[in-house]
Full PDB file with SEQRES, HELIX, SHEET, SSBOND, CRYST1, ORIGX, SCALE, CONECT and MASTER records, all heavy atoms in Angstrom:
SEQRES   1 A   37  TYR ASN ASN PRO ALA PHE LEU ILE ALA ARG MET ALA THR          
SEQRES   2 A   37  HIS PRO ALA TYR LYS LEU SER TRP PRO THR GLY GLU LYS          
SEQRES   3 A   37  LYS LEU LEU VAL MET SER VAL GLY THR GLY SER                  
HELIX    1 AA1 ALA A    5  THR A   13  1                                   9    
HELIX    2 AA2 PRO A   15  TYR A   17  5                                   3    
CRYST1    1.000    1.000    1.000  90.00  90.00  90.00 P 1           1          
ORIGX1      1.000000  0.000000  0.000000        0.00000                         
ORIGX2      0.000000  1.000000  0.000000        0.00000                         
ORIGX3      0.000000  0.000000  1.000000        0.00000                         
SCALE1      1.000000  0.000000  0.000000        0.00000                         
SCALE2      0.000000  1.000000  0.000000        0.00000                         
SCALE3      0.000000  0.000000  1.000000        0.00000                         
ATOM      1  N   TYR A   1       0.804  -1.220   0.000  1.00  0.00           N  
ATOM      2  CA  TYR A   1       0.000   0.000   0.000  1.00  0.00           C  
ATOM      3  C   TYR A   1       0.839   1.274   0.000  1.00  0.00           C  
ATOM      4  O   TYR A   1       0.484   2.254   0.653  1.00  0.00           O  
ATOM      5  CB  TYR A   1      -0.950  -0.006   1.199  1.00  0.00           C  
ATOM      6  CG  TYR A   1      -1.697  -1.300   1.342  1.00  0.00           C  
ATOM      7  CD1 TYR A   1      -1.592  -2.065   2.511  1.00  0.00           C  
ATOM      8  CD2 TYR A   1      -2.504  -1.783   0.311  1.00  0.00           C  
ATOM      9  CE1 TYR A   1      -2.271  -3.260   2.638  1.00  0.00           C  
ATOM     10  CE2 TYR A   1      -3.177  -2.982   0.434  1.00  0.00           C  
ATOM     11  CZ  TYR A   1      -3.054  -3.724   1.603  1.00  0.00           C  
ATOM     12  OH  TYR A   1      -3.724  -4.916   1.726  1.00  0.00           O  
ATOM     13  N   ASN A   2       1.971   1.265  -0.710  1.00  0.00           N  
ATOM     14  CA  ASN A   2       2.704   2.525  -0.841  1.00  0.00           C  
ATOM     15  C   ASN A   2       1.830   3.560  -1.545  1.00  0.00           C  
ATOM     16  O   ASN A   2       1.907   4.745  -1.253  1.00  0.00           O  
ATOM     17  CB  ASN A   2       3.997   2.323  -1.621  1.00  0.00           C  
ATOM     18  CG  ASN A   2       4.824   3.578  -1.663  1.00  0.00           C  
ATOM     19  OD1 ASN A   2       5.249   4.083  -0.634  1.00  0.00           O  
ATOM     20  ND2 ASN A   2       5.032   4.126  -2.854  1.00  0.00           N  
ATOM     21  N   ASN A   3       1.013   3.101  -2.478  1.00  0.00           N  
ATOM     22  CA  ASN A   3      -0.090   3.899  -3.010  1.00  0.00           C  
ATOM     23  C   ASN A   3      -1.346   3.375  -2.310  1.00  0.00           C  
ATOM     24  O   ASN A   3      -1.803   2.272  -2.599  1.00  0.00           O  
ATOM     25  CB  ASN A   3      -0.195   3.724  -4.523  1.00  0.00           C  
ATOM     26  CG  ASN A   3      -1.467   4.321  -5.112  1.00  0.00           C  
ATOM     27  OD1 ASN A   3      -2.325   4.827  -4.403  1.00  0.00           O  
ATOM     28  ND2 ASN A   3      -1.599   4.253  -6.425  1.00  0.00           N  
ATOM     29  N   PRO A   4      -1.919   4.129  -1.375  1.00  0.00           N  
ATOM     30  CA  PRO A   4      -3.025   3.605  -0.573  1.00  0.00           C  
ATOM     31  C   PRO A   4      -4.408   3.855  -1.152  1.00  0.00           C  
ATOM     32  O   PRO A   4      -5.407   3.751  -0.451  1.00  0.00           O  
ATOM     33  CB  PRO A   4      -2.852   4.351   0.757  1.00  0.00           C  
ATOM     34  CG  PRO A   4      -2.326   5.685   0.337  1.00  0.00           C  
ATOM     35  CD  PRO A   4      -1.454   5.440  -0.873  1.00  0.00           C  
ATOM     36  N   ALA A   5      -4.508   4.184  -2.453  1.00  0.00           N  
ATOM     37  CA  ALA A   5      -5.792   4.581  -3.033  1.00  0.00           C  
ATOM     38  C   ALA A   5      -6.829   3.465  -2.971  1.00  0.00           C  
ATOM     39  O   ALA A   5      -7.970   3.682  -2.550  1.00  0.00           O  
ATOM     40  CB  ALA A   5      -5.589   5.041  -4.482  1.00  0.00           C  
ATOM     41  N   PHE A   6      -6.470   2.276  -3.400  1.00  0.00           N  
ATOM     42  CA  PHE A   6      -7.431   1.174  -3.405  1.00  0.00           C  
ATOM     43  C   PHE A   6      -7.741   0.729  -1.981  1.00  0.00           C  
ATOM     44  O   PHE A   6      -8.864   0.341  -1.654  1.00  0.00           O  
ATOM     45  CB  PHE A   6      -6.897   0.010  -4.229  1.00  0.00           C  
ATOM     46  CG  PHE A   6      -7.942  -1.018  -4.577  1.00  0.00           C  
ATOM     47  CD1 PHE A   6      -9.041  -0.667  -5.342  1.00  0.00           C  
ATOM     48  CD2 PHE A   6      -7.832  -2.325  -4.149  1.00  0.00           C  
ATOM     49  CE1 PHE A   6     -10.017  -1.605  -5.666  1.00  0.00           C  
ATOM     50  CE2 PHE A   6      -8.798  -3.266  -4.466  1.00  0.00           C  
ATOM     51  CZ  PHE A   6      -9.892  -2.907  -5.227  1.00  0.00           C  
ATOM     52  N   LEU A   7      -6.743   0.810  -1.113  1.00  0.00           N  
ATOM     53  CA  LEU A   7      -6.943   0.449   0.294  1.00  0.00           C  
ATOM     54  C   LEU A   7      -7.948   1.375   0.962  1.00  0.00           C  
ATOM     55  O   LEU A   7      -8.868   0.920   1.649  1.00  0.00           O  
ATOM     56  CB  LEU A   7      -5.608   0.509   1.034  1.00  0.00           C  
ATOM     57  CG  LEU A   7      -5.677   0.335   2.554  1.00  0.00           C  
ATOM     58  CD1 LEU A   7      -6.137  -1.073   2.912  1.00  0.00           C  
ATOM     59  CD2 LEU A   7      -4.323   0.637   3.196  1.00  0.00           C  
ATOM     60  N   ILE A   8      -7.800   2.684   0.777  1.00  0.00           N  
ATOM     61  CA  ILE A   8      -8.704   3.616   1.453  1.00  0.00           C  
ATOM     62  C   ILE A   8     -10.121   3.484   0.908  1.00  0.00           C  
ATOM     63  O   ILE A   8     -11.100   3.617   1.651  1.00  0.00           O  
ATOM     64  CB  ILE A   8      -8.188   5.065   1.349  1.00  0.00           C  
ATOM     65  CG1 ILE A   8      -8.889   5.967   2.380  1.00  0.00           C  
ATOM     66  CG2 ILE A   8      -8.337   5.627  -0.043  1.00  0.00           C  
ATOM     67  CD1 ILE A   8      -8.305   7.353   2.472  1.00  0.00           C  
ATOM     68  N   ALA A   9     -10.246   3.176  -0.397  1.00  0.00           N  
ATOM     69  CA  ALA A   9     -11.575   2.957  -0.968  1.00  0.00           C  
ATOM     70  C   ALA A   9     -12.221   1.726  -0.336  1.00  0.00           C  
ATOM     71  O   ALA A   9     -13.424   1.713  -0.026  1.00  0.00           O  
ATOM     72  CB  ALA A   9     -11.465   2.786  -2.479  1.00  0.00           C  
ATOM     73  N   ARG A  10     -11.437   0.688  -0.140  1.00  0.00           N  
ATOM     74  CA  ARG A  10     -11.944  -0.543   0.481  1.00  0.00           C  
ATOM     75  C   ARG A  10     -12.341  -0.291   1.932  1.00  0.00           C  
ATOM     76  O   ARG A  10     -13.403  -0.748   2.395  1.00  0.00           O  
ATOM     77  CB  ARG A  10     -10.842  -1.609   0.407  1.00  0.00           C  
ATOM     78  CG  ARG A  10     -11.280  -2.994   0.827  1.00  0.00           C  
ATOM     79  CD  ARG A  10     -10.146  -3.975   0.571  1.00  0.00           C  
ATOM     80  NE  ARG A  10      -9.079  -3.858   1.553  1.00  0.00           N  
ATOM     81  CZ  ARG A  10      -7.813  -4.162   1.308  1.00  0.00           C  
ATOM     82  NH1 ARG A  10      -7.439  -4.534   0.098  1.00  0.00           N  
ATOM     83  NH2 ARG A  10      -6.911  -4.081   2.269  1.00  0.00           N  
ATOM     84  N   MET A  11     -11.513   0.439   2.657  1.00  0.00           N  
ATOM     85  CA  MET A  11     -11.796   0.689   4.068  1.00  0.00           C  
ATOM     86  C   MET A  11     -12.987   1.624   4.262  1.00  0.00           C  
ATOM     87  O   MET A  11     -13.626   1.624   5.319  1.00  0.00           O  
ATOM     88  CB  MET A  11     -10.548   1.253   4.755  1.00  0.00           C  
ATOM     89  CG  MET A  11      -9.418   0.248   4.840  1.00  0.00           C  
ATOM     90  SD  MET A  11      -7.930   0.872   5.672  1.00  0.00           S  
ATOM     91  CE  MET A  11      -8.522   1.011   7.365  1.00  0.00           C  
ATOM     92  N   ALA A  12     -13.283   2.419   3.256  1.00  0.00           N  
ATOM     93  CA  ALA A  12     -14.431   3.326   3.353  1.00  0.00           C  
ATOM     94  C   ALA A  12     -15.745   2.641   3.030  1.00  0.00           C  
ATOM     95  O   ALA A  12     -16.801   3.085   3.485  1.00  0.00           O  
ATOM     96  CB  ALA A  12     -14.234   4.510   2.404  1.00  0.00           C  
ATOM     97  N   THR A  13     -15.683   1.546   2.264  1.00  0.00           N  
ATOM     98  CA  THR A  13     -16.930   0.970   1.738  1.00  0.00           C  
ATOM     99  C   THR A  13     -17.264  -0.428   2.223  1.00  0.00           C  
ATOM    100  O   THR A  13     -18.441  -0.774   2.337  1.00  0.00           O  
ATOM    101  CB  THR A  13     -16.879   0.944   0.199  1.00  0.00           C  
ATOM    102  OG1 THR A  13     -15.753   0.158  -0.234  1.00  0.00           O  
ATOM    103  CG2 THR A  13     -16.745   2.354  -0.364  1.00  0.00           C  
ATOM    104  N   HIS A  14     -16.267  -1.248   2.511  1.00  0.00           N  
ATOM    105  CA  HIS A  14     -16.576  -2.629   2.884  1.00  0.00           C  
ATOM    106  C   HIS A  14     -17.119  -2.689   4.312  1.00  0.00           C  
ATOM    107  O   HIS A  14     -16.559  -2.066   5.221  1.00  0.00           O  
ATOM    108  CB  HIS A  14     -15.335  -3.519   2.763  1.00  0.00           C  
ATOM    109  CG  HIS A  14     -15.670  -4.984   2.774  1.00  0.00           C  
ATOM    110  ND1 HIS A  14     -15.947  -5.678   3.935  1.00  0.00           N  
ATOM    111  CD2 HIS A  14     -15.798  -5.872   1.761  1.00  0.00           C  
ATOM    112  CE1 HIS A  14     -16.218  -6.935   3.638  1.00  0.00           C  
ATOM    113  NE2 HIS A  14     -16.128  -7.083   2.325  1.00  0.00           N  
ATOM    114  N   PRO A  15     -18.184  -3.452   4.532  1.00  0.00           N  
ATOM    115  CA  PRO A  15     -18.806  -3.515   5.868  1.00  0.00           C  
ATOM    116  C   PRO A  15     -17.851  -3.943   6.977  1.00  0.00           C  
ATOM    117  O   PRO A  15     -18.040  -3.559   8.134  1.00  0.00           O  
ATOM    118  CB  PRO A  15     -19.926  -4.542   5.676  1.00  0.00           C  
ATOM    119  CG  PRO A  15     -20.264  -4.490   4.225  1.00  0.00           C  
ATOM    120  CD  PRO A  15     -18.962  -4.211   3.531  1.00  0.00           C  
ATOM    121  N   ALA A  16     -16.823  -4.706   6.652  1.00  0.00           N  
ATOM    122  CA  ALA A  16     -15.905  -5.179   7.688  1.00  0.00           C  
ATOM    123  C   ALA A  16     -15.209  -4.037   8.411  1.00  0.00           C  
ATOM    124  O   ALA A  16     -14.834  -4.168   9.580  1.00  0.00           O  
ATOM    125  CB  ALA A  16     -14.864  -6.116   7.063  1.00  0.00           C  
ATOM    126  N   TYR A  17     -15.050  -2.900   7.729  1.00  0.00           N  
ATOM    127  CA  TYR A  17     -14.378  -1.748   8.334  1.00  0.00           C  
ATOM    128  C   TYR A  17     -15.354  -0.807   9.040  1.00  0.00           C  
ATOM    129  O   TYR A  17     -14.955   0.199   9.620  1.00  0.00           O  
ATOM    130  CB  TYR A  17     -13.585  -0.984   7.276  1.00  0.00           C  
ATOM    131  CG  TYR A  17     -12.476  -1.803   6.653  1.00  0.00           C  
ATOM    132  CD1 TYR A  17     -12.670  -2.456   5.440  1.00  0.00           C  
ATOM    133  CD2 TYR A  17     -11.256  -1.951   7.293  1.00  0.00           C  
ATOM    134  CE1 TYR A  17     -11.653  -3.224   4.866  1.00  0.00           C  
ATOM    135  CE2 TYR A  17     -10.235  -2.705   6.731  1.00  0.00           C  
ATOM    136  CZ  TYR A  17     -10.449  -3.347   5.516  1.00  0.00           C  
ATOM    137  OH  TYR A  17      -9.445  -4.105   4.951  1.00  0.00           O  
ATOM    138  N   LYS A  18     -16.642  -1.106   8.936  1.00  0.00           N  
ATOM    139  CA  LYS A  18     -17.706  -0.456   9.714  1.00  0.00           C  
ATOM    140  C   LYS A  18     -17.938   1.017   9.388  1.00  0.00           C  
ATOM    141  O   LYS A  18     -18.406   1.781  10.230  1.00  0.00           O  
ATOM    142  CB  LYS A  18     -17.438  -0.641  11.212  1.00  0.00           C  
ATOM    143  CG  LYS A  18     -17.394  -2.109  11.621  1.00  0.00           C  
ATOM    144  CD  LYS A  18     -17.221  -2.300  13.115  1.00  0.00           C  
ATOM    145  CE  LYS A  18     -17.206  -3.785  13.466  1.00  0.00           C  
ATOM    146  NZ  LYS A  18     -17.038  -4.018  14.920  1.00  0.00           N  
ATOM    147  N   LEU A  19     -17.595   1.405   8.157  1.00  0.00           N  
ATOM    148  CA  LEU A  19     -18.039   2.702   7.651  1.00  0.00           C  
ATOM    149  C   LEU A  19     -19.182   2.495   6.666  1.00  0.00           C  
ATOM    150  O   LEU A  19     -20.196   3.176   6.720  1.00  0.00           O  
ATOM    151  CB  LEU A  19     -16.888   3.444   6.963  1.00  0.00           C  
ATOM    152  CG  LEU A  19     -15.994   4.325   7.816  1.00  0.00           C  
ATOM    153  CD1 LEU A  19     -14.932   4.994   6.954  1.00  0.00           C  
ATOM    154  CD2 LEU A  19     -16.793   5.387   8.577  1.00  0.00           C  
ATOM    155  N   SER A  20     -18.957   1.547   5.754  1.00  0.00           N  
ATOM    156  CA  SER A  20     -19.990   1.121   4.790  1.00  0.00           C  
ATOM    157  C   SER A  20     -20.553   2.288   3.979  1.00  0.00           C  
ATOM    158  O   SER A  20     -21.752   2.384   3.750  1.00  0.00           O  
ATOM    159  CB  SER A  20     -21.136   0.397   5.517  1.00  0.00           C  
ATOM    160  OG  SER A  20     -20.674  -0.755   6.164  1.00  0.00           O  
ATOM    161  N   TRP A  21     -19.670   3.179   3.530  1.00  0.00           N  
ATOM    162  CA  TRP A  21     -20.143   4.265   2.676  1.00  0.00           C  
ATOM    163  C   TRP A  21     -20.611   3.695   1.340  1.00  0.00           C  
ATOM    164  O   TRP A  21     -20.004   2.758   0.817  1.00  0.00           O  
ATOM    165  CB  TRP A  21     -19.037   5.284   2.455  1.00  0.00           C  
ATOM    166  CG  TRP A  21     -18.757   6.122   3.668  1.00  0.00           C  
ATOM    167  CD1 TRP A  21     -19.512   6.210   4.800  1.00  0.00           C  
ATOM    168  CD2 TRP A  21     -17.641   6.995   3.866  1.00  0.00           C  
ATOM    169  NE1 TRP A  21     -18.944   7.084   5.691  1.00  0.00           N  
ATOM    170  CE2 TRP A  21     -17.799   7.592   5.145  1.00  0.00           C  
ATOM    171  CE3 TRP A  21     -16.539   7.344   3.106  1.00  0.00           C  
ATOM    172  CZ2 TRP A  21     -16.885   8.499   5.670  1.00  0.00           C  
ATOM    173  CZ3 TRP A  21     -15.617   8.252   3.618  1.00  0.00           C  
ATOM    174  CH2 TRP A  21     -15.791   8.827   4.883  1.00  0.00           C  
ATOM    175  N   PRO A  22     -21.683   4.237   0.768  1.00  0.00           N  
ATOM    176  CA  PRO A  22     -22.223   3.724  -0.491  1.00  0.00           C  
ATOM    177  C   PRO A  22     -21.217   3.868  -1.633  1.00  0.00           C  
ATOM    178  O   PRO A  22     -20.434   4.825  -1.682  1.00  0.00           O  
ATOM    179  CB  PRO A  22     -23.455   4.602  -0.734  1.00  0.00           C  
ATOM    180  CG  PRO A  22     -23.809   5.157   0.604  1.00  0.00           C  
ATOM    181  CD  PRO A  22     -22.512   5.319   1.328  1.00  0.00           C  
ATOM    182  N   THR A  23     -21.241   2.914  -2.540  1.00  0.00           N  
ATOM    183  CA  THR A  23     -20.392   2.970  -3.714  1.00  0.00           C  
ATOM    184  C   THR A  23     -21.190   3.486  -4.905  1.00  0.00           C  
ATOM    185  O   THR A  23     -22.414   3.538  -4.876  1.00  0.00           O  
ATOM    186  CB  THR A  23     -19.823   1.590  -4.050  1.00  0.00           C  
ATOM    187  OG1 THR A  23     -20.908   0.678  -4.297  1.00  0.00           O  
ATOM    188  CG2 THR A  23     -18.975   1.063  -2.904  1.00  0.00           C  
ATOM    189  N   GLY A  24     -20.478   3.856  -5.943  1.00  0.00           N  
ATOM    190  CA  GLY A  24     -21.117   4.362  -7.145  1.00  0.00           C  
ATOM    191  C   GLY A  24     -20.362   5.562  -7.675  1.00  0.00           C  
ATOM    192  O   GLY A  24     -19.731   6.300  -6.916  1.00  0.00           O  
ATOM    193  N   GLU A  25     -20.438   5.766  -8.971  1.00  0.00           N  
ATOM    194  CA  GLU A  25     -19.692   6.858  -9.605  1.00  0.00           C  
ATOM    195  C   GLU A  25     -20.120   8.238  -9.123  1.00  0.00           C  
ATOM    196  O   GLU A  25     -19.334   9.186  -9.162  1.00  0.00           O  
ATOM    197  CB  GLU A  25     -19.850   6.776 -11.128  1.00  0.00           C  
ATOM    198  CG  GLU A  25     -19.240   5.520 -11.722  1.00  0.00           C  
ATOM    199  CD  GLU A  25     -19.600   5.340 -13.183  1.00  0.00           C  
ATOM    200  OE1 GLU A  25     -19.986   6.339 -13.837  1.00  0.00           O  
ATOM    201  OE2 GLU A  25     -19.501   4.210 -13.685  1.00  0.00           O  
ATOM    202  N   LYS A  26     -21.352   8.353  -8.636  1.00  0.00           N  
ATOM    203  CA  LYS A  26     -21.855   9.641  -8.167  1.00  0.00           C  
ATOM    204  C   LYS A  26     -21.938   9.711  -6.638  1.00  0.00           C  
ATOM    205  O   LYS A  26     -22.450  10.676  -6.095  1.00  0.00           O  
ATOM    206  CB  LYS A  26     -23.229   9.908  -8.783  1.00  0.00           C  
ATOM    207  CG  LYS A  26     -23.196   9.967 -10.308  1.00  0.00           C  
ATOM    208  CD  LYS A  26     -24.562  10.171 -10.911  1.00  0.00           C  
ATOM    209  CE  LYS A  26     -24.502  10.192 -12.438  1.00  0.00           C  
ATOM    210  NZ  LYS A  26     -25.845  10.364 -13.058  1.00  0.00           N  
ATOM    211  N   LYS A  27     -21.431   8.658  -6.000  1.00  0.00           N  
ATOM    212  CA  LYS A  27     -21.487   8.608  -4.540  1.00  0.00           C  
ATOM    213  C   LYS A  27     -20.116   8.584  -3.881  1.00  0.00           C  
ATOM    214  O   LYS A  27     -19.993   8.881  -2.688  1.00  0.00           O  
ATOM    215  CB  LYS A  27     -22.285   7.381  -4.096  1.00  0.00           C  
ATOM    216  CG  LYS A  27     -23.748   7.426  -4.499  1.00  0.00           C  
ATOM    217  CD  LYS A  27     -24.493   6.194  -4.012  1.00  0.00           C  
ATOM    218  CE  LYS A  27     -25.969   6.250  -4.396  1.00  0.00           C  
ATOM    219  NZ  LYS A  27     -26.700   5.047  -3.938  1.00  0.00           N  
ATOM    220  N   LEU A  28     -19.080   8.211  -4.643  1.00  0.00           N  
ATOM    221  CA  LEU A  28     -17.750   8.096  -4.057  1.00  0.00           C  
ATOM    222  C   LEU A  28     -16.703   8.593  -5.051  1.00  0.00           C  
ATOM    223  O   LEU A  28     -16.654   8.128  -6.197  1.00  0.00           O  
ATOM    224  CB  LEU A  28     -17.451   6.637  -3.676  1.00  0.00           C  
ATOM    225  CG  LEU A  28     -16.212   6.413  -2.808  1.00  0.00           C  
ATOM    226  CD1 LEU A  28     -16.424   6.991  -1.403  1.00  0.00           C  
ATOM    227  CD2 LEU A  28     -15.893   4.917  -2.706  1.00  0.00           C  
ATOM    228  N   LEU A  29     -15.882   9.548  -4.609  1.00  0.00           N  
ATOM    229  CA  LEU A  29     -14.800  10.103  -5.421  1.00  0.00           C  
ATOM    230  C   LEU A  29     -13.469   9.759  -4.756  1.00  0.00           C  
ATOM    231  O   LEU A  29     -13.283  10.022  -3.569  1.00  0.00           O  
ATOM    232  CB  LEU A  29     -14.938  11.623  -5.530  1.00  0.00           C  
ATOM    233  CG  LEU A  29     -13.806  12.368  -6.238  1.00  0.00           C  
ATOM    234  CD1 LEU A  29     -13.741  12.005  -7.712  1.00  0.00           C  
ATOM    235  CD2 LEU A  29     -13.973  13.885  -6.068  1.00  0.00           C  
ATOM    236  N   VAL A  30     -12.559   9.164  -5.522  1.00  0.00           N  
ATOM    237  CA  VAL A  30     -11.231   8.827  -5.014  1.00  0.00           C  
ATOM    238  C   VAL A  30     -10.200   9.574  -5.851  1.00  0.00           C  
ATOM    239  O   VAL A  30     -10.126   9.393  -7.065  1.00  0.00           O  
ATOM    240  CB  VAL A  30     -10.957   7.314  -5.097  1.00  0.00           C  
ATOM    241  CG1 VAL A  30      -9.557   7.002  -4.563  1.00  0.00           C  
ATOM    242  CG2 VAL A  30     -12.012   6.530  -4.327  1.00  0.00           C  
ATOM    243  N   MET A  31      -9.408  10.422  -5.185  1.00  0.00           N  
ATOM    244  CA  MET A  31      -8.340  11.152  -5.869  1.00  0.00           C  
ATOM    245  C   MET A  31      -7.009  10.713  -5.274  1.00  0.00           C  
ATOM    246  O   MET A  31      -6.869  10.633  -4.048  1.00  0.00           O  
ATOM    247  CB  MET A  31      -8.540  12.657  -5.750  1.00  0.00           C  
ATOM    248  CG  MET A  31      -9.916  13.112  -6.223  1.00  0.00           C  
ATOM    249  SD  MET A  31     -10.061  14.899  -6.469  1.00  0.00           S  
ATOM    250  CE  MET A  31      -9.511  15.062  -8.169  1.00  0.00           C  
ATOM    251  N   SER A  32      -6.061  10.416  -6.148  1.00  0.00           N  
ATOM    252  CA  SER A  32      -4.794   9.826  -5.731  1.00  0.00           C  
ATOM    253  C   SER A  32      -3.639  10.650  -6.289  1.00  0.00           C  
ATOM    254  O   SER A  32      -3.633  11.009  -7.469  1.00  0.00           O  
ATOM    255  CB  SER A  32      -4.718   8.380  -6.255  1.00  0.00           C  
ATOM    256  OG  SER A  32      -3.451   7.816  -6.041  1.00  0.00           O  
ATOM    257  N   VAL A  33      -2.642  10.933  -5.435  1.00  0.00           N  
ATOM    258  CA  VAL A  33      -1.500  11.747  -5.853  1.00  0.00           C  
ATOM    259  C   VAL A  33      -0.207  11.006  -5.542  1.00  0.00           C  
ATOM    260  O   VAL A  33       0.021  10.577  -4.406  1.00  0.00           O  
ATOM    261  CB  VAL A  33      -1.487  13.120  -5.152  1.00  0.00           C  
ATOM    262  CG1 VAL A  33      -0.383  13.991  -5.747  1.00  0.00           C  
ATOM    263  CG2 VAL A  33      -2.835  13.813  -5.272  1.00  0.00           C  
ATOM    264  N   GLY A  34       0.643  10.865  -6.575  1.00  0.00           N  
ATOM    265  CA  GLY A  34       1.913  10.181  -6.406  1.00  0.00           C  
ATOM    266  C   GLY A  34       3.062  11.141  -6.157  1.00  0.00           C  
ATOM    267  O   GLY A  34       2.917  12.363  -6.230  1.00  0.00           O  
ATOM    268  N   THR A  35       4.223  10.576  -5.881  1.00  0.00           N  
ATOM    269  CA  THR A  35       5.427  11.371  -5.630  1.00  0.00           C  
ATOM    270  C   THR A  35       6.387  11.323  -6.821  1.00  0.00           C  
ATOM    271  O   THR A  35       7.537  11.738  -6.713  1.00  0.00           O  
ATOM    272  CB  THR A  35       6.169  10.853  -4.383  1.00  0.00           C  
ATOM    273  OG1 THR A  35       6.518   9.471  -4.587  1.00  0.00           O  
ATOM    274  CG2 THR A  35       5.308  10.974  -3.139  1.00  0.00           C  
ATOM    275  N   GLY A  36       5.894  10.819  -7.947  1.00  0.00           N  
ATOM    276  CA  GLY A  36       6.739  10.685  -9.128  1.00  0.00           C  
ATOM    277  C   GLY A  36       7.232   9.266  -9.276  1.00  0.00           C  
ATOM    278  O   GLY A  36       7.707   8.659  -8.305  1.00  0.00           O  
ATOM    279  N   SER A  37       7.074   8.694 -10.453  1.00  0.00           N  
ATOM    280  CA  SER A  37       7.546   7.338 -10.702  1.00  0.00           C  
ATOM    281  C   SER A  37       8.814   7.388 -11.527  1.00  0.00           C  
ATOM    282  O   SER A  37       8.994   8.260 -12.375  1.00  0.00           O  
ATOM    283  CB  SER A  37       6.473   6.525 -11.435  1.00  0.00           C  
ATOM    284  OG  SER A  37       6.192   7.094 -12.700  1.00  0.00           O  
TER     285      SER A  37                                                      
MASTER        0    0    0    2    0    0    0    6  284    1    0    3          
END                                                                             
């Protein structure tokens, strides 16, 4: 998870993490910024 984008999306939405935010293109926005590859 050096790039934590997919991890944070999972932790925000999957019931196991107990946030359970709704998914969908108009319900969840994920913006990711790198340090240069």
